[in-house]
Amino acid sequence: MTKRYRSDALAAVHETAAGLSAAGILSKQSMKDFDALCLTPIEPLTPEEIRAVRLRENVSQAVFARHLNVTSGLVSQWERGEKRPRGASLKLLTLVAKKGLQAVA
């Protein structure tokens, strides 16, 4: 699997840091910290934002749930504010909000 970065500049910086790490100039811990900075940040979403993301992607709750590997009832509860997404579900929702449903398809 090819690594994907938020921008070409970040990809170039990461490649340079990896080279420095391989040469022993950058410590393994510093490289781990740098890798963590490259991850997509997790952002809490309101029920309205979750519904807006689903509608933007033009899918039903059932199809949206299938992409996120959750039940359609859970998506409904998120959209009504009865439950809040956490953990892996929140990460997937954040990716879909930023990059579209194809990011997790």
N, C-alpha and C. Protein backbone atom coordinates (compact mmCIF):
# COMPACT_ATOMS: atom_id res chain seq x y z
N MET A 1 0.85 -1.18 0.00
CA MET A 1 0.00 0.00 0.00
C MET A 1 0.89 1.24 0.00
N THR A 2 0.61 2.16 -0.88
CA THR A 2 1.38 3.39 -0.99
C THR A 2 0.91 4.39 0.07
N LYS A 3 1.88 5.05 0.72
CA LYS A 3 1.52 6.07 1.70
C LYS A 3 0.95 7.27 0.98
N ARG A 4 -0.07 7.88 1.60
CA ARG A 4 -0.68 9.09 1.05
C ARG A 4 -0.52 10.20 2.06
N TYR A 5 -0.19 11.37 1.58
CA TYR A 5 0.06 12.51 2.45
C TYR A 5 -0.93 13.61 2.15
N ARG A 6 -1.07 14.52 3.12
CA ARG A 6 -2.01 15.63 2.96
C ARG A 6 -1.58 16.58 1.84
N SER A 7 -0.28 16.63 1.55
CA SER A 7 0.21 17.52 0.49
C SER A 7 1.53 16.98 -0.04
N ASP A 8 1.93 17.48 -1.21
CA ASP A 8 3.22 17.09 -1.78
C ASP A 8 4.36 17.56 -0.89
N ALA A 9 4.19 18.74 -0.29
CA ALA A 9 5.24 19.27 0.59
C ALA A 9 5.44 18.35 1.79
N LEU A 10 4.34 17.88 2.39
CA LEU A 10 4.46 16.99 3.53
C LEU A 10 5.10 15.67 3.12
N ALA A 11 4.80 15.19 1.93
CA ALA A 11 5.42 13.97 1.43
C ALA A 11 6.93 14.15 1.30
N ALA A 12 7.36 15.30 0.78
CA ALA A 12 8.79 15.57 0.62
C ALA A 12 9.49 15.67 1.97
N VAL A 13 8.85 16.35 2.92
CA VAL A 13 9.42 16.49 4.26
C VAL A 13 9.52 15.13 4.93
N HIS A 14 8.49 14.29 4.76
CA HIS A 14 8.51 12.96 5.37
C HIS A 14 9.62 12.10 4.75
N GLU A 15 9.77 12.19 3.46
CA GLU A 15 10.82 11.43 2.78
C GLU A 15 12.20 11.84 3.29
N THR A 16 12.40 13.14 3.48
CA THR A 16 13.66 13.64 4.01
C THR A 16 13.90 13.15 5.43
N ALA A 17 12.86 13.21 6.26
CA ALA A 17 12.98 12.75 7.64
C ALA A 17 13.28 11.25 7.68
N ALA A 18 12.66 10.48 6.80
CA ALA A 18 12.92 9.05 6.76
C ALA A 18 14.37 8.78 6.37
N GLY A 19 14.90 9.57 5.44
CA GLY A 19 16.30 9.43 5.05
C GLY A 19 17.23 9.76 6.20
N LEU A 20 16.92 10.82 6.94
CA LEU A 20 17.73 11.19 8.10
C LEU A 20 17.68 10.11 9.17
N SER A 21 16.51 9.51 9.33
CA SER A 21 16.36 8.43 10.31
C SER A 21 17.17 7.21 9.90
N ALA A 22 17.12 6.87 8.62
CA ALA A 22 17.88 5.73 8.11
C ALA A 22 19.39 5.94 8.25
N ALA A 23 19.82 7.20 8.14
CA ALA A 23 21.24 7.53 8.27
C ALA A 23 21.68 7.64 9.73
N GLY A 24 20.72 7.54 10.65
CA GLY A 24 21.04 7.62 12.06
C GLY A 24 21.13 9.03 12.61
N ILE A 25 20.77 10.01 11.81
CA ILE A 25 20.83 11.41 12.24
C ILE A 25 19.59 11.79 13.05
N LEU A 26 18.47 11.20 12.70
CA LEU A 26 17.20 11.45 13.39
C LEU A 26 16.86 10.20 14.20
N SER A 27 16.59 10.35 15.48
CA SER A 27 16.31 9.19 16.33
C SER A 27 15.01 8.51 15.94
N LYS A 28 14.89 7.24 16.33
CA LYS A 28 13.66 6.50 16.04
C LYS A 28 12.46 7.15 16.72
N GLN A 29 12.65 7.65 17.94
CA GLN A 29 11.56 8.30 18.66
C GLN A 29 11.11 9.56 17.93
N SER A 30 12.08 10.35 17.44
CA SER A 30 11.73 11.56 16.69
C SER A 30 10.97 11.21 15.42
N MET A 31 11.36 10.12 14.77
CA MET A 31 10.67 9.69 13.56
C MET A 31 9.25 9.24 13.89
N LYS A 32 9.07 8.54 15.02
CA LYS A 32 7.73 8.12 15.44
C LYS A 32 6.86 9.34 15.72
N ASP A 33 7.44 10.34 16.39
CA ASP A 33 6.70 11.57 16.67
C ASP A 33 6.31 12.27 15.37
N PHE A 34 7.23 12.30 14.41
CA PHE A 34 6.96 12.93 13.12
C PHE A 34 5.85 12.18 12.39
N ASP A 35 5.91 10.84 12.41
CA ASP A 35 4.86 10.04 11.76
C ASP A 35 3.49 10.35 12.36
N ALA A 36 3.44 10.51 13.69
CA ALA A 36 2.18 10.82 14.35
C ALA A 36 1.62 12.16 13.89
N LEU A 37 2.50 13.12 13.62
CA LEU A 37 2.05 14.43 13.13
C LEU A 37 1.45 14.35 11.74
N CYS A 38 1.82 13.34 10.98
CA CYS A 38 1.35 13.19 9.60
C CYS A 38 -0.05 12.57 9.52
N LEU A 39 -0.54 12.03 10.63
CA LEU A 39 -1.87 11.40 10.63
C LEU A 39 -2.96 12.45 10.50
N THR A 40 -4.07 12.06 9.91
CA THR A 40 -5.23 12.94 9.83
C THR A 40 -5.77 13.15 11.24
N PRO A 41 -5.87 14.40 11.69
CA PRO A 41 -6.37 14.64 13.04
C PRO A 41 -7.84 14.26 13.17
N ILE A 42 -8.20 13.74 14.33
CA ILE A 42 -9.58 13.34 14.58
C ILE A 42 -10.34 14.56 15.10
N GLU A 43 -11.46 14.84 14.47
CA GLU A 43 -12.27 15.98 14.86
C GLU A 43 -13.66 15.51 15.25
N PRO A 44 -14.14 15.89 16.44
CA PRO A 44 -15.50 15.51 16.81
C PRO A 44 -16.51 16.16 15.85
N LEU A 45 -17.55 15.44 15.51
CA LEU A 45 -18.57 15.94 14.59
C LEU A 45 -19.92 16.03 15.31
N THR A 46 -20.64 17.08 15.03
CA THR A 46 -21.99 17.23 15.58
C THR A 46 -22.94 16.34 14.78
N PRO A 47 -24.11 16.05 15.34
CA PRO A 47 -25.10 15.26 14.58
C PRO A 47 -25.43 15.90 13.23
N GLU A 48 -25.53 17.22 13.20
CA GLU A 48 -25.83 17.92 11.95
C GLU A 48 -24.70 17.75 10.93
N GLU A 49 -23.47 17.77 11.40
CA GLU A 49 -22.32 17.59 10.50
C GLU A 49 -22.27 16.17 9.95
N ILE A 50 -22.59 15.19 10.77
CA ILE A 50 -22.60 13.80 10.30
C ILE A 50 -23.65 13.63 9.21
N ARG A 51 -24.84 14.17 9.45
CA ARG A 51 -25.91 14.09 8.45
C ARG A 51 -25.51 14.83 7.17
N ALA A 52 -24.88 15.99 7.32
CA ALA A 52 -24.46 16.77 6.15
C ALA A 52 -23.42 16.00 5.33
N VAL A 53 -22.50 15.32 6.00
CA VAL A 53 -21.49 14.52 5.29
C VAL A 53 -22.18 13.41 4.50
N ARG A 54 -23.12 12.72 5.15
CA ARG A 54 -23.84 11.64 4.47
C ARG A 54 -24.62 12.15 3.27
N LEU A 55 -25.32 13.27 3.46
CA LEU A 55 -26.09 13.84 2.35
C LEU A 55 -25.19 14.34 1.23
N ARG A 56 -24.05 14.92 1.59
CA ARG A 56 -23.08 15.37 0.58
C ARG A 56 -22.61 14.20 -0.28
N GLU A 57 -22.46 13.04 0.35
CA GLU A 57 -22.04 11.84 -0.37
C GLU A 57 -23.19 11.17 -1.11
N ASN A 58 -24.42 11.68 -0.88
CA ASN A 58 -25.61 11.22 -1.59
C ASN A 58 -25.87 9.73 -1.38
N VAL A 59 -25.81 9.29 -0.10
CA VAL A 59 -26.08 7.89 0.22
C VAL A 59 -27.09 7.82 1.36
N SER A 60 -27.75 6.68 1.44
CA SER A 60 -28.70 6.44 2.53
C SER A 60 -27.94 6.12 3.81
N GLN A 61 -28.67 6.10 4.92
CA GLN A 61 -28.04 5.72 6.18
C GLN A 61 -27.50 4.29 6.11
N ALA A 62 -28.22 3.42 5.43
CA ALA A 62 -27.79 2.02 5.33
C ALA A 62 -26.48 1.89 4.54
N VAL A 63 -26.38 2.60 3.44
CA VAL A 63 -25.16 2.55 2.63
C VAL A 63 -24.00 3.20 3.38
N PHE A 64 -24.27 4.32 4.01
CA PHE A 64 -23.24 5.01 4.80
C PHE A 64 -22.73 4.08 5.90
N ALA A 65 -23.66 3.42 6.59
CA ALA A 65 -23.30 2.50 7.67
C ALA A 65 -22.44 1.36 7.14
N ARG A 66 -22.79 0.86 5.99
CA ARG A 66 -22.04 -0.26 5.39
C ARG A 66 -20.59 0.14 5.13
N HIS A 67 -20.37 1.36 4.64
CA HIS A 67 -19.01 1.84 4.39
C HIS A 67 -18.22 2.00 5.69
N LEU A 68 -18.91 2.35 6.77
CA LEU A 68 -18.24 2.57 8.06
C LEU A 68 -18.20 1.31 8.92
N ASN A 69 -18.82 0.22 8.43
CA ASN A 69 -18.89 -1.06 9.14
C ASN A 69 -19.60 -0.92 10.49
N VAL A 70 -20.71 -0.18 10.47
CA VAL A 70 -21.57 -0.03 11.65
C VAL A 70 -23.00 -0.30 11.20
N THR A 71 -23.94 -0.33 12.13
CA THR A 71 -25.34 -0.55 11.77
C THR A 71 -25.98 0.76 11.33
N SER A 72 -27.04 0.63 10.53
CA SER A 72 -27.76 1.84 10.11
C SER A 72 -28.45 2.48 11.31
N GLY A 73 -28.82 1.68 12.30
CA GLY A 73 -29.41 2.22 13.53
C GLY A 73 -28.43 3.12 14.27
N LEU A 74 -27.15 2.75 14.26
CA LEU A 74 -26.14 3.57 14.92
C LEU A 74 -25.96 4.89 14.18
N VAL A 75 -25.95 4.85 12.86
CA VAL A 75 -25.84 6.09 12.08
C VAL A 75 -27.03 6.99 12.41
N SER A 76 -28.21 6.40 12.50
CA SER A 76 -29.41 7.16 12.85
C SER A 76 -29.26 7.80 14.24
N GLN A 77 -28.74 7.05 15.19
CA GLN A 77 -28.54 7.59 16.54
C GLN A 77 -27.51 8.72 16.54
N TRP A 78 -26.46 8.60 15.73
CA TRP A 78 -25.47 9.68 15.62
C TRP A 78 -26.14 10.94 15.08
N GLU A 79 -26.95 10.77 14.05
CA GLU A 79 -27.58 11.92 13.40
C GLU A 79 -28.64 12.57 14.30
N ARG A 80 -29.23 11.82 15.20
CA ARG A 80 -30.20 12.38 16.14
C ARG A 80 -29.53 12.89 17.41
N GLY A 81 -28.26 12.62 17.59
CA GLY A 81 -27.53 13.07 18.77
C GLY A 81 -27.70 12.18 19.98
N GLU A 82 -28.27 11.01 19.80
CA GLU A 82 -28.46 10.08 20.91
C GLU A 82 -27.15 9.43 21.32
N LYS A 83 -26.28 9.22 20.36
CA LYS A 83 -24.95 8.66 20.61
C LYS A 83 -23.94 9.50 19.85
N ARG A 84 -22.68 9.44 20.30
CA ARG A 84 -21.59 10.16 19.63
C ARG A 84 -20.58 9.14 19.12
N PRO A 85 -20.11 9.31 17.89
CA PRO A 85 -19.11 8.37 17.38
C PRO A 85 -17.81 8.48 18.17
N ARG A 86 -17.15 7.34 18.37
CA ARG A 86 -15.89 7.30 19.10
C ARG A 86 -14.93 6.36 18.39
N GLY A 87 -13.69 6.42 18.77
CA GLY A 87 -12.68 5.47 18.31
C GLY A 87 -12.56 5.40 16.80
N ALA A 88 -12.54 4.17 16.31
CA ALA A 88 -12.34 3.94 14.88
C ALA A 88 -13.46 4.55 14.04
N SER A 89 -14.68 4.52 14.56
CA SER A 89 -15.81 5.12 13.83
C SER A 89 -15.60 6.61 13.63
N LEU A 90 -15.13 7.28 14.66
CA LEU A 90 -14.88 8.72 14.56
C LEU A 90 -13.76 9.00 13.58
N LYS A 91 -12.73 8.16 13.57
CA LYS A 91 -11.62 8.32 12.63
C LYS A 91 -12.13 8.17 11.19
N LEU A 92 -12.95 7.15 10.95
CA LEU A 92 -13.50 6.95 9.60
C LEU A 92 -14.40 8.11 9.19
N LEU A 93 -15.23 8.58 10.11
CA LEU A 93 -16.10 9.73 9.80
C LEU A 93 -15.26 10.96 9.45
N THR A 94 -14.18 11.18 10.20
CA THR A 94 -13.31 12.32 9.93
C THR A 94 -12.69 12.21 8.54
N LEU A 95 -12.25 11.00 8.18
CA LEU A 95 -11.68 10.79 6.84
C LEU A 95 -12.72 11.04 5.75
N VAL A 96 -13.94 10.53 5.97
CA VAL A 96 -15.00 10.74 4.98
C VAL A 96 -15.34 12.22 4.88
N ALA A 97 -15.39 12.93 6.00
CA ALA A 97 -15.69 14.37 5.99
C ALA A 97 -14.63 15.13 5.21
N LYS A 98 -13.36 14.74 5.34
CA LYS A 98 -12.27 15.45 4.68
C LYS A 98 -12.06 15.04 3.23
N LYS A 99 -12.18 13.72 2.95
CA LYS A 99 -11.76 13.21 1.65
C LYS A 99 -12.86 12.53 0.85
N GLY A 100 -14.03 12.38 1.43
CA GLY A 100 -15.12 11.74 0.73
C GLY A 100 -15.21 10.25 1.03
N LEU A 101 -16.31 9.67 0.65
CA LEU A 101 -16.59 8.27 0.94
C LEU A 101 -15.60 7.32 0.27
N GLN A 102 -15.03 7.74 -0.85
CA GLN A 102 -14.05 6.90 -1.55
C GLN A 102 -12.82 6.64 -0.70
N ALA A 103 -12.54 7.48 0.29
CA ALA A 103 -11.37 7.28 1.15
C ALA A 103 -11.49 6.02 1.98
N VAL A 104 -12.71 5.56 2.24
CA VAL A 104 -12.90 4.36 3.05
C VAL A 104 -13.56 3.22 2.25
N ALA A 105 -13.82 3.44 0.99
CA ALA A 105 -14.50 2.42 0.17
C ALA A 105 -13.51 1.36 -0.29
